[in-house]
Structures are given as structure tokens and as C-alpha cells.
Amino acid sequence: MSNKYKVGDIVSGKVTGIQPYGAFVALDANTQGLVHISEITYGFVKSITDHLNVGDIVRVKILDIADNDEKISLSLRALQAKPIKRKEQLPRKSLQDRVDEKDSVGFNSLKEKLGEWIEESGLN
């Protein structure tokens, strides 16, 4: 392979094939690379065809070039803005903590009423 491409370059290419594991992108008439499914976009990618189609012209970043195999690893994701993380959620309280905190008044009320109900029933 020629020294035409270097790791870190941002180039345009044409999607020439799609497989379940990634999309093949022709960078020129003699050079092709692969965008692995994990490099399509941030988050889960169920199907590459939800994001790319054969014939699409895409901008990609060169992640790696294996000189011995002449394989080029490409990324679409590397050119996208990272999604903003959601605010950290407060730790959730356990069910018992919530019962102790909110429902204890209800249980105490029942406990207090139990005596009245027993007297009214005439069972004592």
C-alpha cells in the first residue's frame, strides 16, 4: 500500500458493501477500508443499514493501518460529537427504606386503630 493515507487522516469514501459486522468503504480505486459496527455511531447499532447504504459517500477517520495485510480501520463515530451524559441519578432507596420513611405513619395508624376495633367487636 502506498503512503497516501496515515492514521488520523479524515477522508471521504464510498460505501461499497455492508456486512453484519461492518461497512466497506472505498477510499480510492485501489484502497478500501472497513468501518466496524462499533465505529458507526455512539450507542447500540442493531443494523448497519439503519445508518448506511451501499453507494453513500461518507467522511471517515482512519484509526489504524495494518501494513502487512493492507487493512485500514475506519470510523464514522470518531467524527461525531460525544453524546452528553445524563446527570448522575441519586441512589435509589430500597423498598424497606421507603416503607420506613413514608408508610410508617399508615402502619402506626392501623396499629392504633386495632385496639378500638377489638373493643367494638366485643372480642376482648
Protein backbone atom coordinates (compact mmCIF):
# COMPACT_ATOMS: atom_id res chain seq x y z
CA MET A 1 0.00 0.00 0.00
CA SER A 2 1.20 3.47 -0.71
CA ASN A 3 1.90 6.03 1.98
CA LYS A 4 -1.05 8.05 0.72
CA TYR A 5 -3.06 7.51 3.92
CA LYS A 6 -1.99 7.96 7.52
CA VAL A 7 -3.59 7.16 10.87
CA GLY A 8 -5.64 10.16 11.95
CA ASP A 9 -6.46 11.35 8.41
CA ILE A 10 -10.05 12.33 7.71
CA VAL A 11 -11.05 11.26 4.22
CA SER A 12 -14.14 10.71 2.10
CA GLY A 13 -15.10 7.41 0.59
CA LYS A 14 -17.95 5.46 -0.92
CA VAL A 15 -19.73 2.60 0.87
CA THR A 16 -19.21 -0.44 -1.35
CA GLY A 17 -20.57 -3.21 0.83
CA ILE A 18 -22.35 -3.89 4.08
CA GLN A 19 -21.97 -6.95 6.28
CA PRO A 20 -23.42 -7.62 9.75
CA TYR A 21 -20.05 -6.71 11.30
CA GLY A 22 -19.30 -3.51 9.36
CA ALA A 23 -19.30 -1.47 6.18
CA PHE A 24 -16.64 -1.49 3.48
CA VAL A 25 -15.63 1.94 2.20
CA ALA A 26 -13.60 2.56 -0.97
CA LEU A 27 -11.21 5.43 -0.36
CA ASP A 28 -9.96 5.39 -3.94
CA ALA A 29 -9.82 2.96 -6.89
CA ASN A 30 -7.24 0.75 -5.15
CA THR A 31 -7.81 1.28 -1.44
CA GLN A 32 -10.65 0.03 0.73
CA GLY A 33 -11.21 0.12 4.47
CA LEU A 34 -13.69 -1.22 6.99
CA VAL A 35 -15.91 0.70 9.40
CA HIS A 36 -16.57 -1.84 12.16
CA ILE A 37 -20.14 -1.82 13.53
CA SER A 38 -18.81 -0.39 16.81
CA GLU A 39 -17.43 2.61 14.91
CA ILE A 40 -20.68 3.54 13.11
CA THR A 41 -22.10 5.76 15.85
CA TYR A 42 -22.33 6.14 19.61
CA GLY A 43 -24.72 3.76 21.30
CA PHE A 44 -26.15 0.46 20.13
CA VAL A 45 -26.30 -0.27 16.40
CA LYS A 46 -28.80 -3.01 15.67
CA SER A 47 -28.37 -2.89 11.91
CA ILE A 48 -25.79 -1.01 9.90
CA THR A 49 -28.37 -0.39 7.18
CA ASP A 50 -30.22 1.84 9.65
CA HIS A 51 -27.26 4.23 9.27
CA LEU A 52 -25.59 3.48 5.90
CA ASN A 53 -26.45 2.24 2.44
CA VAL A 54 -24.27 0.98 -0.40
CA GLY A 55 -23.37 3.97 -2.53
CA ASP A 56 -23.35 6.52 0.31
CA ILE A 57 -20.45 8.96 0.33
CA VAL A 58 -19.13 9.24 3.89
CA ARG A 59 -16.41 11.10 5.78
CA VAL A 60 -14.34 8.77 7.93
CA LYS A 61 -11.32 8.93 10.18
CA ILE A 62 -8.51 6.43 9.72
CA LEU A 63 -7.98 4.61 13.02
CA ASP A 64 -5.39 2.03 12.03
CA ILE A 65 -3.45 0.77 9.04
CA ALA A 66 -2.08 -2.77 9.14
CA ASP A 67 0.73 -2.57 6.58
CA ASN A 68 1.27 -6.32 6.34
CA ASP A 69 -2.40 -7.01 5.49
CA GLU A 70 -3.07 -3.63 3.90
CA LYS A 71 -6.20 -3.37 6.06
CA ILE A 72 -7.48 0.04 7.02
CA SER A 73 -9.75 0.53 10.05
CA LEU A 74 -12.13 3.46 9.69
CA SER A 75 -14.53 5.29 11.96
CA LEU A 76 -17.62 7.42 11.44
CA ARG A 77 -18.12 7.73 15.20
CA ALA A 78 -14.77 9.47 15.69
CA LEU A 79 -16.13 12.44 13.71
CA GLN A 80 -19.32 12.75 15.76
CA ALA A 81 -19.81 14.81 18.89
CA LYS A 82 -19.88 12.67 22.01
CA PRO A 83 -23.36 12.44 23.48
CA ILE A 84 -23.89 14.34 26.70
CA LYS A 85 -24.10 12.05 29.68
CA ARG A 86 -27.26 12.22 31.70
CA LYS A 87 -26.94 13.73 35.13
CA GLU A 88 -25.97 11.24 37.73
CA GLN A 89 -29.09 9.95 39.39
CA LEU A 90 -29.34 9.94 43.13
CA PRO A 91 -29.01 6.47 44.58
CA ARG A 92 -32.36 4.77 44.80
CA LYS A 93 -33.65 3.90 48.23
CA SER A 94 -34.52 0.34 48.99
CA LEU A 95 -38.15 -0.68 49.33
CA GLN A 96 -37.71 -1.10 53.08
CA ASP A 97 -36.25 2.40 53.41
CA ARG A 98 -39.21 3.84 51.54
CA VAL A 99 -41.68 1.90 53.70
CA ASP A 100 -39.93 3.03 56.88
CA GLU A 101 -39.86 6.62 55.65
CA LYS A 102 -43.33 7.12 54.15
CA ASP A 103 -45.63 4.32 55.16
CA SER A 104 -44.73 4.05 58.83
CA VAL A 105 -47.41 6.59 59.69
CA GLY A 106 -50.03 4.47 57.94
CA PHE A 107 -48.92 1.34 59.77
CA ASN A 108 -48.89 3.16 63.09
CA SER A 109 -52.42 4.40 62.45
CA LEU A 110 -53.60 0.86 61.85
CA LYS A 111 -51.82 -0.29 64.98
CA GLU A 112 -53.56 2.42 66.99
CA LYS A 113 -56.98 1.60 65.46
CA LEU A 114 -56.62 -2.12 66.12
CA GLY A 115 -57.36 -1.65 69.80
CA GLU A 116 -60.54 0.31 69.02
CA TRP A 117 -61.72 -2.31 66.53
CA ILE A 118 -61.20 -5.11 69.01
CA GLU A 119 -63.24 -3.27 71.65
CA GLU A 120 -66.02 -2.56 69.15
CA SER A 121 -66.19 -6.20 68.08
CA GLY A 122 -66.59 -7.33 71.69
CA LEU A 123 -63.82 -9.93 71.42
CA ASN A 124 -61.86 -8.79 74.46
